[in-house]
Amino acid sequence: MKKLNIVKILIVISLSVSSISAHAQWAVSVTAGSADYKLEAIEGTFVDAIDDTFLYRDLGIDYSWGNHQVGIKIGGLAESNGAIDIRSSTAVAATVETGDAERDEMSVFYTYRTNIGVALTGGYYTSEVTSTRRFTANYTSGGFNGTFIQNADKTVDNDGFFFGAAYGQALSDRTGVFARLGYQDSDVEEQINATRNNTIPVQAGVAAPITSSATFTRSLDLGGDAVVYGVGGYWAVTDTISLNLFYEVKDFSYSLDAYDDGGGVQLEEKQDMIGLTLRYSL
């Protein structure tokens, strides 16, 4: 994962802990769920996408005092085999032979709970999507038919500050429902390292197979933002144990940009998730 900017984290935490009172409480939370995740890089008619249902999991630790809370979460999407979808609307036929992807993320946050049921949150978020793919494609060049095999590793780093609000409504002494809405500013870096092997087999005008191999890298820096929204319900099982069942959508929007080799690209990213959080207050 991209190295976190420690200064940013310390700013968020220091703003929180400056007013700690005697009525403080530590808590640990574990979240597991199912996430439909898609990350597409669109270059004209060619689309290289991560598109699959992933296992989501994270671990959180938080510290509360009065109306304040500060915490950290580490987790993300577990590795999924067969998550890569490569397609083109041209005559080029691409067949993915292998394609794995995973997404790690971390966030630090500060929350202030108002006396009217609204919680305001701000913090810093970072994630890294790593994926590998091997695919073959048929092509025509100079009147000759050929095939290439490409192996590529791709990394997409995303980081930025976020803020949001949540509203909770109690249904009983131990149950209730909530809704939340948030916004995130994002800086994205994408890096591709690839090897391509080309073969033009024997055919009319080609007496012997022609082979070539090349390695290349591509990089991209762009900006964007994301909107996060969700709903859920909670149940305080005991005075120290609670369960949250929730549905959440995170929809990113990125600026149209170009790789360092001049190829124009549009990134599209979205995650729909249903999850269950178990929280234990120490």
C-alpha atoms as a PDB file:
ATOM      1  CA  MET A   1       0.000   0.000   0.000  1.00  0.00           C
ATOM      2  CA  LYS A   2       1.143   3.554  -0.681  1.00  0.00           C
ATOM      3  CA  LYS A   3       2.969   5.026   2.304  1.00  0.00           C
ATOM      4  CA  LEU A   4       0.631   7.166   4.346  1.00  0.00           C
ATOM      5  CA  ASN A   5       1.439  10.811   4.907  1.00  0.00           C
ATOM      6  CA  ILE A   6       2.094  10.655   8.646  1.00  0.00           C
ATOM      7  CA  VAL A   7       1.719  14.408   9.023  1.00  0.00           C
ATOM      8  CA  LYS A   8      -1.853  14.223   7.734  1.00  0.00           C
ATOM      9  CA  ILE A   9      -2.714  11.428  10.145  1.00  0.00           C
ATOM     10  CA  LEU A  10      -1.210  13.225  13.116  1.00  0.00           C
ATOM     11  CA  ILE A  11      -3.190  16.378  12.303  1.00  0.00           C
ATOM     12  CA  VAL A  12      -6.454  14.408  12.343  1.00  0.00           C
ATOM     13  CA  ILE A  13      -5.606  12.593  15.564  1.00  0.00           C
ATOM     14  CA  SER A  14      -4.203  15.608  17.406  1.00  0.00           C
ATOM     15  CA  LEU A  15      -7.364  17.598  16.727  1.00  0.00           C
ATOM     16  CA  SER A  16      -9.304  14.787  18.393  1.00  0.00           C
ATOM     17  CA  VAL A  17      -7.325  13.880  21.479  1.00  0.00           C
ATOM     18  CA  SER A  18      -6.705  17.421  22.676  1.00  0.00           C
ATOM     19  CA  SER A  19      -9.886  17.387  24.765  1.00  0.00           C
ATOM     20  CA  ILE A  20      -9.990  13.826  26.156  1.00  0.00           C
ATOM     21  CA  SER A  21     -12.016  13.566  29.338  1.00  0.00           C
ATOM     22  CA  ALA A  22     -12.148  10.993  32.101  1.00  0.00           C
ATOM     23  CA  HIS A  23     -15.217   9.277  30.582  1.00  0.00           C
ATOM     24  CA  ALA A  24     -13.328   7.428  27.843  1.00  0.00           C
ATOM     25  CA  GLN A  25     -13.794   4.049  26.223  1.00  0.00           C
ATOM     26  CA  TRP A  26     -11.862   1.823  23.821  1.00  0.00           C
ATOM     27  CA  ALA A  27     -13.649  -0.424  21.329  1.00  0.00           C
ATOM     28  CA  VAL A  28     -12.680  -3.007  18.717  1.00  0.00           C
ATOM     29  CA  SER A  29     -14.791  -3.784  15.637  1.00  0.00           C
ATOM     30  CA  VAL A  30     -14.694  -6.445  12.938  1.00  0.00           C
ATOM     31  CA  THR A  31     -16.600  -6.112   9.665  1.00  0.00           C
ATOM     32  CA  ALA A  32     -17.280  -8.772   7.019  1.00  0.00           C
ATOM     33  CA  GLY A  33     -19.400  -8.507   3.918  1.00  0.00           C
ATOM     34  CA  SER A  34     -19.900  -9.013   0.208  1.00  0.00           C
ATOM     35  CA  ALA A  35     -18.889  -6.254  -2.226  1.00  0.00           C
ATOM     36  CA  ASP A  36     -19.639  -5.888  -5.923  1.00  0.00           C
ATOM     37  CA  TYR A  37     -16.598  -3.925  -7.107  1.00  0.00           C
ATOM     38  CA  LYS A  38     -15.769  -2.534 -10.540  1.00  0.00           C
ATOM     39  CA  LEU A  39     -12.732  -0.538 -11.684  1.00  0.00           C
ATOM     40  CA  GLU A  40     -12.566   0.149 -15.425  1.00  0.00           C
ATOM     41  CA  ALA A  41      -9.850   1.769 -17.529  1.00  0.00           C
ATOM     42  CA  ILE A  42     -11.476   2.758 -20.835  1.00  0.00           C
ATOM     43  CA  GLU A  43      -9.247   3.613 -23.801  1.00  0.00           C
ATOM     44  CA  GLY A  44     -11.436   4.192 -26.837  1.00  0.00           C
ATOM     45  CA  THR A  45     -12.883   0.775 -27.730  1.00  0.00           C
ATOM     46  CA  PHE A  46     -10.609  -1.124 -25.326  1.00  0.00           C
ATOM     47  CA  VAL A  47     -11.683  -1.782 -21.726  1.00  0.00           C
ATOM     48  CA  ASP A  48      -9.503  -3.314 -19.008  1.00  0.00           C
ATOM     49  CA  ALA A  49     -11.731  -3.911 -15.990  1.00  0.00           C
ATOM     50  CA  ILE A  50     -11.753  -5.457 -12.548  1.00  0.00           C
ATOM     51  CA  ASP A  51     -15.342  -6.629 -12.162  1.00  0.00           C
ATOM     52  CA  ASP A  52     -16.263  -9.209  -9.545  1.00  0.00           C
ATOM     53  CA  THR A  53     -17.898  -9.923  -6.195  1.00  0.00           C
ATOM     54  CA  PHE A  54     -15.312  -9.785  -3.419  1.00  0.00           C
ATOM     55  CA  LEU A  55     -15.153 -10.710   0.239  1.00  0.00           C
ATOM     56  CA  TYR A  56     -14.823  -7.489   2.237  1.00  0.00           C
ATOM     57  CA  ARG A  57     -13.252  -7.463   5.706  1.00  0.00           C
ATOM     58  CA  ASP A  58     -11.779  -4.877   8.040  1.00  0.00           C
ATOM     59  CA  LEU A  59     -10.573  -4.398  11.593  1.00  0.00           C
ATOM     60  CA  GLY A  60     -11.198  -1.180  13.498  1.00  0.00           C
ATOM     61  CA  ILE A  61     -10.052   0.333  16.789  1.00  0.00           C
ATOM     62  CA  ASP A  62     -11.604   3.491  18.195  1.00  0.00           C
ATOM     63  CA  TYR A  63     -11.446   5.645  21.322  1.00  0.00           C
ATOM     64  CA  SER A  64     -14.467   7.608  22.560  1.00  0.00           C
ATOM     65  CA  TRP A  65     -14.917  10.304  25.178  1.00  0.00           C
ATOM     66  CA  GLY A  66     -17.975  12.470  25.645  1.00  0.00           C
ATOM     67  CA  ASN A  67     -19.317  13.353  22.194  1.00  0.00           C
ATOM     68  CA  HIS A  68     -15.978  12.640  20.501  1.00  0.00           C
ATOM     69  CA  GLN A  69     -14.481   9.599  18.835  1.00  0.00           C
ATOM     70  CA  VAL A  70     -11.204   8.929  16.997  1.00  0.00           C
ATOM     71  CA  GLY A  71     -10.258   5.671  15.303  1.00  0.00           C
ATOM     72  CA  ILE A  72      -8.517   3.705  12.584  1.00  0.00           C
ATOM     73  CA  LYS A  73      -9.718   1.001  10.174  1.00  0.00           C
ATOM     74  CA  ILE A  74      -7.598  -1.409   8.131  1.00  0.00           C
ATOM     75  CA  GLY A  75      -8.999  -3.896   5.626  1.00  0.00           C
ATOM     76  CA  GLY A  76     -10.328  -4.045   2.091  1.00  0.00           C
ATOM     77  CA  LEU A  77     -11.279  -6.583  -0.565  1.00  0.00           C
ATOM     78  CA  ALA A  78      -9.742 -10.049  -0.345  1.00  0.00           C
ATOM     79  CA  GLU A  79      -8.000 -11.449  -3.428  1.00  0.00           C
ATOM     80  CA  SER A  80     -10.348 -12.761  -6.097  1.00  0.00           C
ATOM     81  CA  ASN A  81      -9.300 -15.081  -8.926  1.00  0.00           C
ATOM     82  CA  GLY A  82     -10.862 -14.451 -12.308  1.00  0.00           C
ATOM     83  CA  ALA A  83     -11.741 -10.835 -11.488  1.00  0.00           C
ATOM     84  CA  ILE A  84     -10.321  -9.349 -14.721  1.00  0.00           C
ATOM     85  CA  ASP A  85     -12.602  -8.565 -17.667  1.00  0.00           C
ATOM     86  CA  ILE A  86     -10.867  -7.393 -20.857  1.00  0.00           C
ATOM     87  CA  ARG A  87     -12.982  -6.535 -23.888  1.00  0.00           C
ATOM     88  CA  SER A  88     -12.980  -4.510 -27.081  1.00  0.00           C
ATOM     89  CA  SER A  89     -15.656  -3.485 -29.564  1.00  0.00           C
ATOM     90  CA  THR A  90     -13.199  -3.859 -32.468  1.00  0.00           C
ATOM     91  CA  ALA A  91     -12.277  -7.057 -34.285  1.00  0.00           C
ATOM     92  CA  VAL A  92      -9.460  -7.703 -31.785  1.00  0.00           C
ATOM     93  CA  ALA A  93     -10.356 -10.810 -29.812  1.00  0.00           C
ATOM     94  CA  ALA A  94      -8.865 -10.914 -26.309  1.00  0.00           C
ATOM     95  CA  THR A  95      -9.028 -13.944 -24.054  1.00  0.00           C
ATOM     96  CA  VAL A  96      -8.053 -13.554 -20.423  1.00  0.00           C
ATOM     97  CA  GLU A  97      -6.097 -16.575 -19.234  1.00  0.00           C
ATOM     98  CA  THR A  98      -5.455 -15.401 -15.685  1.00  0.00           C
ATOM     99  CA  GLY A  99      -6.600 -12.389 -13.770  1.00  0.00           C
ATOM    100  CA  ASP A 100      -6.393 -11.754 -10.023  1.00  0.00           C
ATOM    101  CA  ALA A 101      -7.172  -8.600  -8.047  1.00  0.00           C
ATOM    102  CA  GLU A 102      -7.356  -7.330  -4.467  1.00  0.00           C
ATOM    103  CA  ARG A 103      -7.870  -3.985  -2.756  1.00  0.00           C
ATOM    104  CA  ASP A 104      -6.310  -2.893   0.538  1.00  0.00           C
ATOM    105  CA  GLU A 105      -7.466   0.224   2.355  1.00  0.00           C
ATOM    106  CA  MET A 106      -6.911   2.171   5.541  1.00  0.00           C
ATOM    107  CA  SER A 107      -8.561   5.196   7.115  1.00  0.00           C
ATOM    108  CA  VAL A 108      -8.200   7.343  10.219  1.00  0.00           C
ATOM    109  CA  PHE A 109     -11.160   9.410  11.367  1.00  0.00           C
ATOM    110  CA  TYR A 110     -12.618  11.791  13.919  1.00  0.00           C
ATOM    111  CA  THR A 111     -16.336  11.850  14.738  1.00  0.00           C
ATOM    112  CA  TYR A 112     -18.381  14.347  16.714  1.00  0.00           C
ATOM    113  CA  ARG A 113     -21.808  13.218  17.890  1.00  0.00           C
ATOM    114  CA  THR A 114     -24.290  16.049  18.228  1.00  0.00           C
ATOM    115  CA  ASN A 115     -27.211  16.021  20.645  1.00  0.00           C
ATOM    116  CA  ILE A 116     -29.801  15.789  17.839  1.00  0.00           C
ATOM    117  CA  GLY A 117     -28.879  12.335  16.536  1.00  0.00           C
ATOM    118  CA  VAL A 118     -26.419  13.511  13.861  1.00  0.00           C
ATOM    119  CA  ALA A 119     -22.781  12.362  13.814  1.00  0.00           C
ATOM    120  CA  LEU A 120     -20.230  14.395  11.818  1.00  0.00           C
ATOM    121  CA  THR A 121     -17.083  12.622  10.604  1.00  0.00           C
ATOM    122  CA  GLY A 122     -13.856  13.680   8.890  1.00  0.00           C
ATOM    123  CA  GLY A 123     -10.626  11.851   8.169  1.00  0.00           C
ATOM    124  CA  TYR A 124      -8.008  10.577   5.757  1.00  0.00           C
ATOM    125  CA  TYR A 125      -8.331   7.529   3.480  1.00  0.00           C
ATOM    126  CA  THR A 126      -5.888   5.549   1.351  1.00  0.00           C
ATOM    127  CA  SER A 127      -6.284   2.429  -0.787  1.00  0.00           C
ATOM    128  CA  GLU A 128      -4.274   0.316  -3.199  1.00  0.00           C
ATOM    129  CA  VAL A 129      -5.723  -1.956  -5.883  1.00  0.00           C
ATOM    130  CA  THR A 130      -3.278  -4.547  -7.205  1.00  0.00           C
ATOM    131  CA  SER A 131      -4.062  -6.841 -10.123  1.00  0.00           C
ATOM    132  CA  THR A 132      -2.348  -9.188 -12.545  1.00  0.00           C
ATOM    133  CA  ARG A 133      -3.523 -10.369 -15.927  1.00  0.00           C
ATOM    134  CA  ARG A 134      -2.312 -12.538 -18.796  1.00  0.00           C
ATOM    135  CA  PHE A 135      -4.214 -12.426 -22.029  1.00  0.00           C
ATOM    136  CA  THR A 136      -3.884 -13.286 -25.704  1.00  0.00           C
ATOM    137  CA  ALA A 137      -5.280 -11.311 -28.615  1.00  0.00           C
ATOM    138  CA  ASN A 138      -5.430 -11.748 -32.362  1.00  0.00           C
ATOM    139  CA  TYR A 139      -4.647  -8.786 -34.601  1.00  0.00           C
ATOM    140  CA  THR A 140      -4.001  -7.806 -38.213  1.00  0.00           C
ATOM    141  CA  SER A 141      -1.094  -5.535 -39.120  1.00  0.00           C
ATOM    142  CA  GLY A 142       0.353  -4.762 -42.541  1.00  0.00           C
ATOM    143  CA  GLY A 143      -1.919  -7.364 -44.104  1.00  0.00           C
ATOM    144  CA  PHE A 144      -0.616 -10.148 -41.841  1.00  0.00           C
ATOM    145  CA  ASN A 145      -2.457 -11.953 -39.053  1.00  0.00           C
ATOM    146  CA  GLY A 146      -0.712 -12.247 -35.715  1.00  0.00           C
ATOM    147  CA  THR A 147      -1.156 -13.054 -32.055  1.00  0.00           C
ATOM    148  CA  PHE A 148       0.265 -11.408 -28.973  1.00  0.00           C
ATOM    149  CA  ILE A 149       0.477 -12.615 -25.380  1.00  0.00           C
ATOM    150  CA  GLN A 150       0.672  -9.932 -22.715  1.00  0.00           C
ATOM    151  CA  ASN A 151       1.464 -10.216 -19.017  1.00  0.00           C
ATOM    152  CA  ALA A 152       0.776  -7.105 -16.966  1.00  0.00           C
ATOM    153  CA  ASP A 153       0.796  -6.004 -13.343  1.00  0.00           C
ATOM    154  CA  LYS A 154      -1.312  -2.959 -12.481  1.00  0.00           C
ATOM    155  CA  THR A 155      -1.394  -0.882  -9.292  1.00  0.00           C
ATOM    156  CA  VAL A 156      -3.914   1.880  -8.593  1.00  0.00           C
ATOM    157  CA  ASP A 157      -3.294   4.036  -5.497  1.00  0.00           C
ATOM    158  CA  ASN A 158      -6.018   6.345  -4.201  1.00  0.00           C
ATOM    159  CA  ASP A 159      -5.826   8.717  -1.249  1.00  0.00           C
ATOM    160  CA  GLY A 160      -7.605  11.801   0.033  1.00  0.00           C
ATOM    161  CA  PHE A 161      -9.577  13.453   2.801  1.00  0.00           C
ATOM    162  CA  PHE A 162     -13.234  12.697   3.457  1.00  0.00           C
ATOM    163  CA  PHE A 163     -16.116  14.067   5.482  1.00  0.00           C
ATOM    164  CA  GLY A 164     -19.650  12.902   6.090  1.00  0.00           C
ATOM    165  CA  ALA A 165     -22.718  12.823   8.287  1.00  0.00           C
ATOM    166  CA  ALA A 166     -24.888  10.081   9.717  1.00  0.00           C
ATOM    167  CA  TYR A 167     -28.302  10.215  11.340  1.00  0.00           C
ATOM    168  CA  GLY A 168     -29.586   7.561  13.736  1.00  0.00           C
ATOM    169  CA  GLN A 169     -33.094   6.916  14.994  1.00  0.00           C
ATOM    170  CA  ALA A 170     -33.721   4.631  17.952  1.00  0.00           C
ATOM    171  CA  LEU A 171     -36.528   2.068  17.608  1.00  0.00           C
ATOM    172  CA  SER A 172     -36.182   0.737  21.141  1.00  0.00           C
ATOM    173  CA  ASP A 173     -33.708   0.828  24.012  1.00  0.00           C
ATOM    174  CA  ARG A 174     -31.348  -1.483  22.095  1.00  0.00           C
ATOM    175  CA  THR A 175     -32.254  -1.205  18.404  1.00  0.00           C
ATOM    176  CA  GLY A 176     -32.342   1.501  15.780  1.00  0.00           C
ATOM    177  CA  VAL A 177     -31.742   2.486  12.169  1.00  0.00           C
ATOM    178  CA  PHE A 178     -29.346   4.922  10.526  1.00  0.00           C
ATOM    179  CA  ALA A 179     -28.464   6.583   7.227  1.00  0.00           C
ATOM    180  CA  ARG A 180     -25.199   8.170   6.175  1.00  0.00           C
ATOM    181  CA  LEU A 181     -23.822  10.350   3.399  1.00  0.00           C
ATOM    182  CA  GLY A 182     -20.221  11.295   2.698  1.00  0.00           C
ATOM    183  CA  TYR A 183     -17.831  12.902   0.231  1.00  0.00           C
ATOM    184  CA  GLN A 184     -14.181  12.123  -0.530  1.00  0.00           C
ATOM    185  CA  ASP A 185     -11.571  14.049  -2.490  1.00  0.00           C
ATOM    186  CA  SER A 186      -9.205  11.679  -4.333  1.00  0.00           C
ATOM    187  CA  ASP A 187      -5.717  11.729  -5.847  1.00  0.00           C
ATOM    188  CA  VAL A 188      -5.022   8.672  -8.007  1.00  0.00           C
ATOM    189  CA  GLU A 189      -1.795   7.143  -9.298  1.00  0.00           C
ATOM    190  CA  GLU A 190      -1.847   4.196 -11.701  1.00  0.00           C
ATOM    191  CA  GLN A 191       1.212   2.168 -12.703  1.00  0.00           C
ATOM    192  CA  ILE A 192       1.338  -0.622 -15.309  1.00  0.00           C
ATOM    193  CA  ASN A 193       4.316  -2.940 -15.888  1.00  0.00           C
ATOM    194  CA  ALA A 194       3.850  -5.266 -18.854  1.00  0.00           C
ATOM    195  CA  THR A 195       5.614  -7.694 -21.195  1.00  0.00           C
ATOM    196  CA  ARG A 196       4.234  -8.396 -24.673  1.00  0.00           C
ATOM    197  CA  ASN A 197       5.272 -11.271 -26.951  1.00  0.00           C
ATOM    198  CA  ASN A 198       4.185 -10.995 -30.600  1.00  0.00           C
ATOM    199  CA  THR A 199       4.010 -13.859 -33.100  1.00  0.00           C
ATOM    200  CA  ILE A 200       3.188 -13.738 -36.827  1.00  0.00           C
ATOM    201  CA  PRO A 201       2.815 -17.375 -37.902  1.00  0.00           C
ATOM    202  CA  VAL A 202       3.561 -18.883 -41.293  1.00  0.00           C
ATOM    203  CA  GLN A 203       1.065 -17.605 -43.870  1.00  0.00           C
ATOM    204  CA  ALA A 204       1.008 -16.160 -47.348  1.00  0.00           C
ATOM    205  CA  GLY A 205       4.000 -13.829 -47.539  1.00  0.00           C
ATOM    206  CA  VAL A 206       5.556 -15.180 -44.313  1.00  0.00           C
ATOM    207  CA  ALA A 207       7.920 -18.114 -44.851  1.00  0.00           C
ATOM    208  CA  ALA A 208       8.864 -18.553 -41.168  1.00  0.00           C
ATOM    209  CA  PRO A 209       7.301 -17.414 -37.897  1.00  0.00           C
ATOM    210  CA  ILE A 210       8.224 -13.881 -36.863  1.00  0.00           C
ATOM    211  CA  THR A 211       8.508 -13.269 -33.122  1.00  0.00           C
ATOM    212  CA  SER A 212       9.304 -10.227 -31.021  1.00  0.00           C
ATOM    213  CA  SER A 213       9.152  -9.264 -27.365  1.00  0.00           C
ATOM    214  CA  ALA A 214       8.909  -5.924 -25.590  1.00  0.00           C
ATOM    215  CA  THR A 215       8.482  -4.629 -22.065  1.00  0.00           C
ATOM    216  CA  PHE A 216       6.842  -1.329 -21.225  1.00  0.00           C
ATOM    217  CA  THR A 217       5.522   0.737 -18.352  1.00  0.00           C
ATOM    218  CA  ARG A 218       2.671   3.233 -18.245  1.00  0.00           C
ATOM    219  CA  SER A 219       1.754   5.667 -15.504  1.00  0.00           C
ATOM    220  CA  LEU A 220      -1.111   8.025 -14.820  1.00  0.00           C
ATOM    221  CA  ASP A 221      -1.878  10.748 -12.265  1.00  0.00           C
ATOM    222  CA  LEU A 222      -5.373  12.193 -12.013  1.00  0.00           C
ATOM    223  CA  GLY A 223      -7.868  13.689  -9.604  1.00  0.00           C
ATOM    224  CA  GLY A 224     -11.409  12.872  -8.692  1.00  0.00           C
ATOM    225  CA  ASP A 225     -13.931  12.512  -5.919  1.00  0.00           C
ATOM    226  CA  ALA A 226     -16.398  10.035  -4.504  1.00  0.00           C
ATOM    227  CA  VAL A 227     -19.855  10.058  -2.969  1.00  0.00           C
ATOM    228  CA  VAL A 228     -20.651   7.499  -0.266  1.00  0.00           C
ATOM    229  CA  TYR A 229     -24.146   6.724   0.971  1.00  0.00           C
ATOM    230  CA  GLY A 230     -25.762   3.932   2.907  1.00  0.00           C
ATOM    231  CA  VAL A 231     -28.421   2.730   5.328  1.00  0.00           C
ATOM    232  CA  GLY A 232     -28.485   0.173   8.098  1.00  0.00           C
ATOM    233  CA  GLY A 233     -29.697  -0.982  11.458  1.00  0.00           C
ATOM    234  CA  TYR A 234     -28.072  -1.673  14.811  1.00  0.00           C
ATOM    235  CA  TRP A 235     -28.710  -3.923  17.778  1.00  0.00           C
ATOM    236  CA  ALA A 236     -27.031  -3.489  21.174  1.00  0.00           C
ATOM    237  CA  VAL A 237     -26.863  -7.145  22.157  1.00  0.00           C
ATOM    238  CA  THR A 238     -25.372  -6.326  25.575  1.00  0.00           C
ATOM    239  CA  ASP A 239     -23.862  -3.258  27.187  1.00  0.00           C
ATOM    240  CA  THR A 240     -20.515  -4.088  25.523  1.00  0.00           C
ATOM    241  CA  ILE A 241     -21.461  -5.931  22.305  1.00  0.00           C
ATOM    242  CA  SER A 242     -23.366  -4.493  19.323  1.00  0.00           C
ATOM    243  CA  LEU A 243     -24.158  -5.546  15.746  1.00  0.00           C
ATOM    244  CA  ASN A 244     -24.589  -3.263  12.712  1.00  0.00           C
ATOM    245  CA  LEU A 245     -26.096  -4.534   9.469  1.00  0.00           C
ATOM    246  CA  PHE A 246     -25.626  -2.078   6.596  1.00  0.00           C
ATOM    247  CA  TYR A 247     -25.746  -1.463   2.849  1.00  0.00           C
ATOM    248  CA  GLU A 248     -23.290   1.049   1.371  1.00  0.00           C
ATOM    249  CA  VAL A 249     -22.436   2.447  -2.061  1.00  0.00           C
ATOM    250  CA  LYS A 250     -19.191   4.237  -2.933  1.00  0.00           C
ATOM    251  CA  ASP A 251     -19.276   5.872  -6.371  1.00  0.00           C
ATOM    252  CA  PHE A 252     -16.099   7.506  -7.727  1.00  0.00           C
ATOM    253  CA  SER A 253     -15.844  10.114 -10.483  1.00  0.00           C
ATOM    254  CA  TYR A 254     -12.490  10.804 -12.166  1.00  0.00           C
ATOM    255  CA  SER A 255     -11.310  13.382 -14.667  1.00  0.00           C
ATOM    256  CA  LEU A 256     -10.524  12.289 -18.233  1.00  0.00           C
ATOM    257  CA  ASP A 257      -6.753  12.064 -18.470  1.00  0.00           C
ATOM    258  CA  ALA A 258      -3.895  10.462 -20.413  1.00  0.00           C
ATOM    259  CA  TYR A 259      -1.087   8.022 -19.698  1.00  0.00           C
ATOM    260  CA  ASP A 260       2.474   9.263 -19.897  1.00  0.00           C
ATOM    261  CA  ASP A 261       2.716   7.734 -23.389  1.00  0.00           C
ATOM    262  CA  GLY A 262      -0.185   9.912 -24.599  1.00  0.00           C
ATOM    263  CA  GLY A 263      -2.984   7.325 -24.547  1.00  0.00           C
ATOM    264  CA  GLY A 264      -6.233   8.889 -23.344  1.00  0.00           C
ATOM    265  CA  VAL A 265      -8.059   7.004 -20.596  1.00  0.00           C
ATOM    266  CA  GLN A 266     -11.197   7.297 -18.476  1.00  0.00           C
ATOM    267  CA  LEU A 267     -11.298   5.566 -15.080  1.00  0.00           C
ATOM    268  CA  GLU A 268     -14.615   4.455 -13.599  1.00  0.00           C
ATOM    269  CA  GLU A 269     -14.896   2.920 -10.119  1.00  0.00           C
ATOM    270  CA  LYS A 270     -17.826   1.811  -7.973  1.00  0.00           C
ATOM    271  CA  GLN A 271     -18.418  -0.445  -4.967  1.00  0.00           C
ATOM    272  CA  ASP A 272     -21.761  -1.767  -3.668  1.00  0.00           C
ATOM    273  CA  MET A 273     -21.504  -3.611  -0.383  1.00  0.00           C
ATOM    274  CA  ILE A 274     -23.625  -5.283   2.261  1.00  0.00           C
ATOM    275  CA  GLY A 275     -21.865  -5.976   5.539  1.00  0.00           C
ATOM    276  CA  LEU A 276     -22.142  -6.872   9.199  1.00  0.00           C
ATOM    277  CA  THR A 277     -20.066  -5.217  11.930  1.00  0.00           C
ATOM    278  CA  LEU A 278     -19.457  -6.707  15.373  1.00  0.00           C
ATOM    279  CA  ARG A 279     -18.290  -4.102  17.894  1.00  0.00           C
ATOM    280  CA  TYR A 280     -16.948  -4.850  21.360  1.00  0.00           C
ATOM    281  CA  SER A 281     -16.460  -2.065  23.890  1.00  0.00           C
ATOM    282  CA  LEU A 282     -13.562  -2.667  26.261  1.00  0.00           C
END
